[in-house]
């Protein structure tokens, strides 16, 4: 079985020091490809070069948690980078972009300005977007209705079924990751079981959002004490959980999720075709 981790921050300090070994371990577990999203202008070059080094793909964008520091010059740099690398098949999306209302230190008007500008950049480049939608799905949808980019992925989706249905209707796939491996995440697990199979992609968000298997006990989970760092190697375990929730063989899930990911990020097909030449 082959898997694509649609969202992993492989340039994070927890991973980068031993990245070849980390990526090799994931490969032995069937994770054939990773998508590495940027979070601000300072790591645009980093994720692009890392994707080329590892044989993976990347996205360029400004994360909502980085918007307080972002200015219009950063948006200009993003647009220039996307134009400069428009023929690079490894550049598969604009992301990670979106809105975040979990934290309270963000300038709301400014993060919405940065988000809207990035949606326009994506639309002009005909690239899909990788969305951050933490406690913000309705506002994100409002902007999507007005600007209408070329679909993409709602990363770490945890909204309602109605919100999921609108995102799907707008050409988005829903990213499910480590959070759905926890029994207490009842609404999320129900969503993973109920949304159309054709709408699901998988992710680790490594090193963030670790799956249940990273911890030995509930006490460790409460204290944040992990056995190991979350990496793309955890993706097959997440897939096994999603397959069990849906009551389907993991092989069936793997085949469909691969197709879904190529549909959400069409440039992956170009990249894979080039590898086969």
C-alpha atoms as a PDB file:
ATOM      1  CA  UNK A   1       0.000   0.000   0.000  1.00  0.00           C
ATOM      2  CA  UNK A   2       1.117   3.529  -0.803  1.00  0.00           C
ATOM      3  CA  UNK A   3       0.263   6.636   1.179  1.00  0.00           C
ATOM      4  CA  UNK A   4       0.656  10.385   0.729  1.00  0.00           C
ATOM      5  CA  UNK A   5       1.058  12.514   3.854  1.00  0.00           C
ATOM      6  CA  UNK A   6      -0.728  15.643   2.661  1.00  0.00           C
ATOM      7  CA  UNK A   7       0.497  17.847   5.504  1.00  0.00           C
ATOM      8  CA  UNK A   8       3.788  17.521   7.365  1.00  0.00           C
ATOM      9  CA  UNK A   9       6.176  20.242   8.491  1.00  0.00           C
ATOM     10  CA  UNK A  10       9.390  18.358   7.807  1.00  0.00           C
ATOM     11  CA  UNK A  11      11.442  21.531   8.248  1.00  0.00           C
ATOM     12  CA  UNK A  12      10.395  21.794  11.911  1.00  0.00           C
ATOM     13  CA  UNK A  13      13.288  21.778  14.415  1.00  0.00           C
ATOM     14  CA  UNK A  14      12.098  18.481  15.911  1.00  0.00           C
ATOM     15  CA  UNK A  15      12.484  16.729  12.543  1.00  0.00           C
ATOM     16  CA  UNK A  16      15.080  18.480  10.430  1.00  0.00           C
ATOM     17  CA  UNK A  17      18.188  17.309  12.326  1.00  0.00           C
ATOM     18  CA  UNK A  18      17.559  13.678  11.348  1.00  0.00           C
ATOM     19  CA  UNK A  19      15.307  14.213   8.359  1.00  0.00           C
ATOM     20  CA  UNK A  20      16.770  11.594   6.004  1.00  0.00           C
ATOM     21  CA  UNK A  21      16.311   8.835   8.587  1.00  0.00           C
ATOM     22  CA  UNK A  22      12.842  10.132   9.445  1.00  0.00           C
ATOM     23  CA  UNK A  23      11.798  10.149   5.814  1.00  0.00           C
ATOM     24  CA  UNK A  24      13.368   6.736   5.173  1.00  0.00           C
ATOM     25  CA  UNK A  25      11.404   5.199   8.064  1.00  0.00           C
ATOM     26  CA  UNK A  26       8.166   6.574   6.660  1.00  0.00           C
ATOM     27  CA  UNK A  27       9.050   5.127   3.266  1.00  0.00           C
ATOM     28  CA  UNK A  28       9.534   1.656   4.751  1.00  0.00           C
ATOM     29  CA  UNK A  29       5.984   1.937   6.100  1.00  0.00           C
ATOM     30  CA  UNK A  30       4.545   2.829   2.700  1.00  0.00           C
ATOM     31  CA  UNK A  31       4.515   6.624   2.900  1.00  0.00           C
ATOM     32  CA  UNK A  32       5.624   7.247  -0.658  1.00  0.00           C
ATOM     33  CA  UNK A  33       5.202  11.014  -0.736  1.00  0.00           C
ATOM     34  CA  UNK A  34       4.859  14.026   1.558  1.00  0.00           C
ATOM     35  CA  UNK A  35       3.575  17.567   1.063  1.00  0.00           C
ATOM     36  CA  UNK A  36       5.534  20.177   3.036  1.00  0.00           C
ATOM     37  CA  UNK A  37       3.651  23.459   3.574  1.00  0.00           C
ATOM     38  CA  UNK A  38       5.388  26.743   4.338  1.00  0.00           C
ATOM     39  CA  UNK A  39       4.218  28.960   7.186  1.00  0.00           C
ATOM     40  CA  UNK A  40       5.860  32.328   6.404  1.00  0.00           C
ATOM     41  CA  UNK A  41       8.237  33.993   3.967  1.00  0.00           C
ATOM     42  CA  UNK A  42      11.254  32.902   6.003  1.00  0.00           C
ATOM     43  CA  UNK A  43      10.764  29.242   5.089  1.00  0.00           C
ATOM     44  CA  UNK A  44       9.648  29.554   1.452  1.00  0.00           C
ATOM     45  CA  UNK A  45      13.105  28.575   0.198  1.00  0.00           C
ATOM     46  CA  UNK A  46      13.544  26.025   2.969  1.00  0.00           C
ATOM     47  CA  UNK A  47      10.495  23.936   2.096  1.00  0.00           C
ATOM     48  CA  UNK A  48      11.168  24.193  -1.636  1.00  0.00           C
ATOM     49  CA  UNK A  49      14.739  22.951  -1.279  1.00  0.00           C
ATOM     50  CA  UNK A  50      13.763  20.295   1.253  1.00  0.00           C
ATOM     51  CA  UNK A  51      11.076  18.907  -1.046  1.00  0.00           C
ATOM     52  CA  UNK A  52      13.610  18.662  -3.880  1.00  0.00           C
ATOM     53  CA  UNK A  53      16.139  16.989  -1.567  1.00  0.00           C
ATOM     54  CA  UNK A  54      13.662  14.386  -0.332  1.00  0.00           C
ATOM     55  CA  UNK A  55      11.731  13.843  -3.577  1.00  0.00           C
ATOM     56  CA  UNK A  56       8.567  15.305  -2.065  1.00  0.00           C
ATOM     57  CA  UNK A  57       6.297  18.299  -2.806  1.00  0.00           C
ATOM     58  CA  UNK A  58       5.713  21.667  -1.175  1.00  0.00           C
ATOM     59  CA  UNK A  59       3.245  24.515  -0.789  1.00  0.00           C
ATOM     60  CA  UNK A  60       3.982  28.205  -0.232  1.00  0.00           C
ATOM     61  CA  UNK A  61       1.901  30.406   2.021  1.00  0.00           C
ATOM     62  CA  UNK A  62       1.582  32.439   5.212  1.00  0.00           C
ATOM     63  CA  UNK A  63       0.059  30.598   8.177  1.00  0.00           C
ATOM     64  CA  UNK A  64      -2.594  32.516  10.133  1.00  0.00           C
ATOM     65  CA  UNK A  65      -0.478  32.288  13.297  1.00  0.00           C
ATOM     66  CA  UNK A  66       2.231  34.205  11.413  1.00  0.00           C
ATOM     67  CA  UNK A  67      -0.050  36.961  10.125  1.00  0.00           C
ATOM     68  CA  UNK A  68       0.639  39.483  12.891  1.00  0.00           C
ATOM     69  CA  UNK A  69       4.181  39.805  11.557  1.00  0.00           C
ATOM     70  CA  UNK A  70       3.231  39.582   7.866  1.00  0.00           C
ATOM     71  CA  UNK A  71       2.917  42.692   5.726  1.00  0.00           C
ATOM     72  CA  UNK A  72       1.973  43.378   2.130  1.00  0.00           C
ATOM     73  CA  UNK A  73       5.653  42.960   1.209  1.00  0.00           C
ATOM     74  CA  UNK A  74       5.378  39.332   2.350  1.00  0.00           C
ATOM     75  CA  UNK A  75       2.380  38.857   0.087  1.00  0.00           C
ATOM     76  CA  UNK A  76       4.332  40.355  -2.774  1.00  0.00           C
ATOM     77  CA  UNK A  77       7.187  37.960  -2.097  1.00  0.00           C
ATOM     78  CA  UNK A  78       4.750  35.040  -2.054  1.00  0.00           C
ATOM     79  CA  UNK A  79       3.294  36.057  -5.410  1.00  0.00           C
ATOM     80  CA  UNK A  80       6.791  36.453  -6.867  1.00  0.00           C
ATOM     81  CA  UNK A  81       7.922  33.064  -5.557  1.00  0.00           C
ATOM     82  CA  UNK A  82       4.869  31.339  -6.998  1.00  0.00           C
ATOM     83  CA  UNK A  83       5.418  33.022 -10.346  1.00  0.00           C
ATOM     84  CA  UNK A  84       9.125  32.202 -10.321  1.00  0.00           C
ATOM     85  CA  UNK A  85       8.491  28.519  -9.616  1.00  0.00           C
ATOM     86  CA  UNK A  86       5.249  28.155 -11.560  1.00  0.00           C
ATOM     87  CA  UNK A  87       6.764  25.413 -13.742  1.00  0.00           C
ATOM     88  CA  UNK A  88       8.069  23.402 -10.782  1.00  0.00           C
ATOM     89  CA  UNK A  89       5.803  20.314 -10.478  1.00  0.00           C
ATOM     90  CA  UNK A  90       6.802  20.010  -6.822  1.00  0.00           C
ATOM     91  CA  UNK A  91       4.903  23.248  -6.081  1.00  0.00           C
ATOM     92  CA  UNK A  92       1.411  21.831  -5.595  1.00  0.00           C
ATOM     93  CA  UNK A  93      -0.556  24.466  -3.645  1.00  0.00           C
ATOM     94  CA  UNK A  94      -0.713  27.763  -1.821  1.00  0.00           C
ATOM     95  CA  UNK A  95      -0.571  26.949   1.859  1.00  0.00           C
ATOM     96  CA  UNK A  96      -0.747  26.731   4.735  1.00  0.00           C
ATOM     97  CA  UNK A  97      -3.238  29.599   4.760  1.00  0.00           C
ATOM     98  CA  UNK A  98      -6.487  30.316   6.552  1.00  0.00           C
ATOM     99  CA  UNK A  99      -7.948  31.705   9.765  1.00  0.00           C
ATOM    100  CA  UNK A 100      -7.447  30.740  13.413  1.00  0.00           C
ATOM    101  CA  UNK A 101      -9.772  31.650  16.292  1.00  0.00           C
ATOM    102  CA  UNK A 102      -8.314  29.222  18.816  1.00  0.00           C
ATOM    103  CA  UNK A 103      -5.641  31.689  19.880  1.00  0.00           C
ATOM    104  CA  UNK A 104      -6.566  35.200  20.976  1.00  0.00           C
ATOM    105  CA  UNK A 105      -3.502  37.288  20.130  1.00  0.00           C
ATOM    106  CA  UNK A 106      -4.135  37.631  16.388  1.00  0.00           C
ATOM    107  CA  UNK A 107      -5.332  40.821  14.730  1.00  0.00           C
ATOM    108  CA  UNK A 108      -8.564  39.517  13.212  1.00  0.00           C
ATOM    109  CA  UNK A 109      -8.923  42.120  10.463  1.00  0.00           C
ATOM    110  CA  UNK A 110      -5.293  41.666   9.479  1.00  0.00           C
ATOM    111  CA  UNK A 111      -5.383  37.871   9.358  1.00  0.00           C
ATOM    112  CA  UNK A 112      -8.489  38.075   7.180  1.00  0.00           C
ATOM    113  CA  UNK A 113      -6.705  40.550   4.886  1.00  0.00           C
ATOM    114  CA  UNK A 114      -3.696  38.225   4.556  1.00  0.00           C
ATOM    115  CA  UNK A 115      -5.964  35.242   3.938  1.00  0.00           C
ATOM    116  CA  UNK A 116      -8.023  36.960   1.239  1.00  0.00           C
ATOM    117  CA  UNK A 117      -4.906  38.188  -0.527  1.00  0.00           C
ATOM    118  CA  UNK A 118      -3.497  34.659  -0.591  1.00  0.00           C
ATOM    119  CA  UNK A 119      -6.740  33.250  -1.960  1.00  0.00           C
ATOM    120  CA  UNK A 120      -6.453  35.744  -4.810  1.00  0.00           C
ATOM    121  CA  UNK A 121      -2.826  34.772  -5.418  1.00  0.00           C
ATOM    122  CA  UNK A 122      -3.871  31.116  -5.576  1.00  0.00           C
ATOM    123  CA  UNK A 123      -6.767  31.855  -7.900  1.00  0.00           C
ATOM    124  CA  UNK A 124      -4.571  33.892 -10.229  1.00  0.00           C
ATOM    125  CA  UNK A 125      -2.004  31.082 -10.334  1.00  0.00           C
ATOM    126  CA  UNK A 126      -4.723  28.426 -10.733  1.00  0.00           C
ATOM    127  CA  UNK A 127      -3.340  26.577  -7.724  1.00  0.00           C
ATOM    128  CA  UNK A 128      -5.356  24.800  -5.025  1.00  0.00           C
ATOM    129  CA  UNK A 129      -5.022  25.915  -1.422  1.00  0.00           C
ATOM    130  CA  UNK A 130      -4.216  24.087   1.806  1.00  0.00           C
ATOM    131  CA  UNK A 131      -6.521  25.589   4.413  1.00  0.00           C
ATOM    132  CA  UNK A 132      -6.055  26.069   8.151  1.00  0.00           C
ATOM    133  CA  UNK A 133      -9.577  26.163   9.601  1.00  0.00           C
ATOM    134  CA  UNK A 134      -9.198  26.008  13.383  1.00  0.00           C
ATOM    135  CA  UNK A 135     -12.495  27.261  14.869  1.00  0.00           C
ATOM    136  CA  UNK A 136     -12.958  29.324  11.715  1.00  0.00           C
ATOM    137  CA  UNK A 137     -14.797  27.231   9.140  1.00  0.00           C
ATOM    138  CA  UNK A 138     -17.748  29.600   8.668  1.00  0.00           C
ATOM    139  CA  UNK A 139     -15.528  32.647   8.121  1.00  0.00           C
ATOM    140  CA  UNK A 140     -13.233  30.678   5.810  1.00  0.00           C
ATOM    141  CA  UNK A 141     -16.268  29.595   3.805  1.00  0.00           C
ATOM    142  CA  UNK A 142     -17.446  33.199   3.560  1.00  0.00           C
ATOM    143  CA  UNK A 143     -14.188  34.174   1.866  1.00  0.00           C
ATOM    144  CA  UNK A 144     -14.198  31.067  -0.355  1.00  0.00           C
ATOM    145  CA  UNK A 145     -17.660  32.007  -1.641  1.00  0.00           C
ATOM    146  CA  UNK A 146     -16.354  35.419  -2.651  1.00  0.00           C
ATOM    147  CA  UNK A 147     -12.971  34.499  -4.132  1.00  0.00           C
ATOM    148  CA  UNK A 148     -13.343  30.830  -5.250  1.00  0.00           C
ATOM    149  CA  UNK A 149      -9.879  29.309  -5.593  1.00  0.00           C
ATOM    150  CA  UNK A 150      -9.305  26.022  -7.409  1.00  0.00           C
ATOM    151  CA  UNK A 151     -10.263  23.759  -4.501  1.00  0.00           C
ATOM    152  CA  UNK A 152      -7.667  22.060  -2.333  1.00  0.00           C
ATOM    153  CA  UNK A 153      -7.573  20.560   1.159  1.00  0.00           C
ATOM    154  CA  UNK A 154      -9.153  21.641   4.442  1.00  0.00           C
ATOM    155  CA  UNK A 155      -6.313  20.523   6.692  1.00  0.00           C
ATOM    156  CA  UNK A 156      -7.112  18.956  10.091  1.00  0.00           C
ATOM    157  CA  UNK A 157     -10.818  19.439   9.468  1.00  0.00           C
ATOM    158  CA  UNK A 158     -12.956  19.319  12.607  1.00  0.00           C
ATOM    159  CA  UNK A 159     -16.141  21.159  11.669  1.00  0.00           C
ATOM    160  CA  UNK A 160     -19.744  20.083  11.251  1.00  0.00           C
ATOM    161  CA  UNK A 161     -21.128  17.751   8.612  1.00  0.00           C
ATOM    162  CA  UNK A 162     -22.919  20.707   6.998  1.00  0.00           C
ATOM    163  CA  UNK A 163     -19.649  22.663   6.794  1.00  0.00           C
ATOM    164  CA  UNK A 164     -17.925  19.589   5.402  1.00  0.00           C
ATOM    165  CA  UNK A 165     -20.567  19.240   2.719  1.00  0.00           C
ATOM    166  CA  UNK A 166     -20.114  22.841   1.579  1.00  0.00           C
ATOM    167  CA  UNK A 167     -16.337  22.484   1.413  1.00  0.00           C
ATOM    168  CA  UNK A 168     -16.726  19.270  -0.599  1.00  0.00           C
ATOM    169  CA  UNK A 169     -19.168  20.986  -2.946  1.00  0.00           C
ATOM    170  CA  UNK A 170     -16.545  23.699  -3.470  1.00  0.00           C
ATOM    171  CA  UNK A 171     -13.968  21.160  -4.592  1.00  0.00           C
ATOM    172  CA  UNK A 172     -12.164  20.544  -1.305  1.00  0.00           C
ATOM    173  CA  UNK A 173     -10.991  17.330   0.286  1.00  0.00           C
ATOM    174  CA  UNK A 174     -10.933  16.985   4.074  1.00  0.00           C
ATOM    175  CA  UNK A 175      -7.681  16.167   5.875  1.00  0.00           C
ATOM    176  CA  UNK A 176      -7.914  13.630   8.708  1.00  0.00           C
ATOM    177  CA  UNK A 177      -4.968  12.977  10.999  1.00  0.00           C
ATOM    178  CA  UNK A 178      -3.912  11.969  14.469  1.00  0.00           C
ATOM    179  CA  UNK A 179      -6.831  13.635  16.247  1.00  0.00           C
ATOM    180  CA  UNK A 180      -9.273  11.023  14.948  1.00  0.00           C
ATOM    181  CA  UNK A 181      -7.348   8.222  16.710  1.00  0.00           C
ATOM    182  CA  UNK A 182      -8.655   9.370  20.112  1.00  0.00           C
ATOM    183  CA  UNK A 183     -11.888   7.748  21.288  1.00  0.00           C
ATOM    184  CA  UNK A 184     -12.962  10.984  22.985  1.00  0.00           C
ATOM    185  CA  UNK A 185     -12.985  12.787  19.607  1.00  0.00           C
ATOM    186  CA  UNK A 186     -16.485  11.482  18.955  1.00  0.00           C
ATOM    187  CA  UNK A 187     -17.680  14.138  16.513  1.00  0.00           C
ATOM    188  CA  UNK A 188     -14.505  13.980  14.446  1.00  0.00           C
ATOM    189  CA  UNK A 189     -14.589  10.174  14.341  1.00  0.00           C
ATOM    190  CA  UNK A 190     -18.227  10.287  13.251  1.00  0.00           C
ATOM    191  CA  UNK A 191     -17.276  12.689  10.461  1.00  0.00           C
ATOM    192  CA  UNK A 192     -14.457  10.401   9.330  1.00  0.00           C
ATOM    193  CA  UNK A 193     -17.009   7.614   9.109  1.00  0.00           C
ATOM    194  CA  UNK A 194     -19.827   9.576   7.446  1.00  0.00           C
ATOM    195  CA  UNK A 195     -18.331  11.919   4.831  1.00  0.00           C
ATOM    196  CA  UNK A 196     -17.998  10.452   1.327  1.00  0.00           C
ATOM    197  CA  UNK A 197     -14.913   8.294   0.940  1.00  0.00           C
ATOM    198  CA  UNK A 198     -14.077  10.351  -2.146  1.00  0.00           C
ATOM    199  CA  UNK A 199     -13.622  13.434   0.075  1.00  0.00           C
ATOM    200  CA  UNK A 200     -10.944  12.076   2.446  1.00  0.00           C
ATOM    201  CA  UNK A 201      -7.197  12.657   2.430  1.00  0.00           C
ATOM    202  CA  UNK A 202      -4.777  11.740   5.210  1.00  0.00           C
ATOM    203  CA  UNK A 203      -2.112  13.708   7.051  1.00  0.00           C
ATOM    204  CA  UNK A 204       0.077  13.676  10.142  1.00  0.00           C
ATOM    205  CA  UNK A 205       0.693  17.435  10.567  1.00  0.00           C
ATOM    206  CA  UNK A 206       3.977  16.222  12.021  1.00  0.00           C
ATOM    207  CA  UNK A 207       5.443  17.079  14.406  1.00  0.00           C
ATOM    208  CA  UNK A 208       2.077  18.441  15.646  1.00  0.00           C
ATOM    209  CA  UNK A 209      -1.238  16.639  16.354  1.00  0.00           C
ATOM    210  CA  UNK A 210       0.313  13.324  17.438  1.00  0.00           C
ATOM    211  CA  UNK A 211      -1.851  10.196  17.216  1.00  0.00           C
ATOM    212  CA  UNK A 212      -2.924   8.180  20.233  1.00  0.00           C
ATOM    213  CA  UNK A 213      -0.109   5.674  19.658  1.00  0.00           C
ATOM    214  CA  UNK A 214       2.549   8.278  20.509  1.00  0.00           C
ATOM    215  CA  UNK A 215       1.547   8.037  24.178  1.00  0.00           C
ATOM    216  CA  UNK A 216       1.637   5.039  26.515  1.00  0.00           C
ATOM    217  CA  UNK A 217      -0.930   6.171  29.071  1.00  0.00           C
ATOM    218  CA  UNK A 218      -3.714   8.698  29.610  1.00  0.00           C
ATOM    219  CA  UNK A 219      -1.537  10.415  32.211  1.00  0.00           C
ATOM    220  CA  UNK A 220       1.203  10.913  29.635  1.00  0.00           C
ATOM    221  CA  UNK A 221      -1.327  12.364  27.228  1.00  0.00           C
ATOM    222  CA  UNK A 222      -2.554  14.770  29.894  1.00  0.00           C
ATOM    223  CA  UNK A 223       1.017  15.880  30.600  1.00  0.00           C
ATOM    224  CA  UNK A 224       2.059  15.959  26.956  1.00  0.00           C
ATOM    225  CA  UNK A 225       4.766  13.322  27.477  1.00  0.00           C
ATOM    226  CA  UNK A 226       5.264  11.444  24.208  1.00  0.00           C
ATOM    227  CA  UNK A 227       7.058   8.191  23.538  1.00  0.00           C
ATOM    228  CA  UNK A 228       8.310   9.541  20.230  1.00  0.00           C
ATOM    229  CA  UNK A 229       8.042  12.505  17.881  1.00  0.00           C
ATOM    230  CA  UNK A 230       5.121  12.500  15.470  1.00  0.00           C
ATOM    231  CA  UNK A 231       6.455  11.893  11.946  1.00  0.00           C
ATOM    232  CA  UNK A 232       5.019  10.763   8.585  1.00  0.00           C
ATOM    233  CA  UNK A 233       5.760   7.193   9.671  1.00  0.00           C
ATOM    234  CA  UNK A 234       2.606   7.434  11.833  1.00  0.00           C
ATOM    235  CA  UNK A 235       0.361   7.810   8.771  1.00  0.00           C
ATOM    236  CA  UNK A 236      -0.399   4.076   8.267  1.00  0.00           C
ATOM    237  CA  UNK A 237      -1.629   3.875  11.861  1.00  0.00           C
ATOM    238  CA  UNK A 238      -3.920   6.841  11.267  1.00  0.00           C
ATOM    239  CA  UNK A 239      -5.131   5.166   8.079  1.00  0.00           C
ATOM    240  CA  UNK A 240      -5.888   1.955   9.969  1.00  0.00           C
ATOM    241  CA  UNK A 241      -8.025   3.955  12.400  1.00  0.00           C
ATOM    242  CA  UNK A 242      -9.956   5.689   9.586  1.00  0.00           C
ATOM    243  CA  UNK A 243     -10.465   2.354   7.809  1.00  0.00           C
ATOM    244  CA  UNK A 244     -11.825   0.808  11.014  1.00  0.00           C
ATOM    245  CA  UNK A 245     -14.165   3.750  11.600  1.00  0.00           C
ATOM    246  CA  UNK A 246     -15.548   3.318   8.080  1.00  0.00           C
ATOM    247  CA  UNK A 247     -15.597  -0.484   8.246  1.00  0.00           C
ATOM    248  CA  UNK A 248     -13.547  -0.924   5.067  1.00  0.00           C
ATOM    249  CA  UNK A 249     -10.278  -2.750   4.329  1.00  0.00           C
ATOM    250  CA  UNK A 250      -7.242  -0.536   4.629  1.00  0.00           C
ATOM    251  CA  UNK A 251      -6.216  -1.453   1.080  1.00  0.00           C
ATOM    252  CA  UNK A 252      -9.475  -0.039  -0.262  1.00  0.00           C
ATOM    253  CA  UNK A 253      -8.903   3.127   1.745  1.00  0.00           C
ATOM    254  CA  UNK A 254      -5.335   3.432   0.430  1.00  0.00           C
ATOM    255  CA  UNK A 255      -6.364   3.215  -3.212  1.00  0.00           C
ATOM    256  CA  UNK A 256      -9.173   5.759  -2.870  1.00  0.00           C
ATOM    257  CA  UNK A 257      -7.202   8.210  -0.733  1.00  0.00           C
ATOM    258  CA  UNK A 258      -4.374   8.204  -3.285  1.00  0.00           C
ATOM    259  CA  UNK A 259      -6.875   9.150  -6.015  1.00  0.00           C
ATOM    260  CA  UNK A 260      -8.417  11.783  -3.756  1.00  0.00           C
ATOM    261  CA  UNK A 261      -5.059  13.379  -3.082  1.00  0.00           C
ATOM    262  CA  UNK A 262      -4.161  13.549  -6.757  1.00  0.00           C
ATOM    263  CA  UNK A 263      -7.554  15.142  -7.383  1.00  0.00           C
ATOM    264  CA  UNK A 264      -7.046  17.741  -4.635  1.00  0.00           C
ATOM    265  CA  UNK A 265      -3.478  18.541  -5.739  1.00  0.00           C
ATOM    266  CA  UNK A 266      -3.387  17.914  -9.521  1.00  0.00           C
ATOM    267  CA  UNK A 267       0.291  18.795  -9.883  1.00  0.00           C
ATOM    268  CA  UNK A 268       1.123  15.600  -8.011  1.00  0.00           C
ATOM    269  CA  UNK A 269       0.138  13.705 -11.152  1.00  0.00           C
ATOM    270  CA  UNK A 270       2.712  15.680 -13.146  1.00  0.00           C
ATOM    271  CA  UNK A 271       5.360  14.989 -10.516  1.00  0.00           C
ATOM    272  CA  UNK A 272       4.626  11.253 -10.412  1.00  0.00           C
ATOM    273  CA  UNK A 273       4.586  11.038 -14.197  1.00  0.00           C
ATOM    274  CA  UNK A 274       8.008  12.708 -14.345  1.00  0.00           C
ATOM    275  CA  UNK A 275       9.380  10.186 -11.842  1.00  0.00           C
ATOM    276  CA  UNK A 276       8.295   7.303 -14.051  1.00  0.00           C
ATOM    277  CA  UNK A 277      10.105   8.552 -17.159  1.00  0.00           C
END
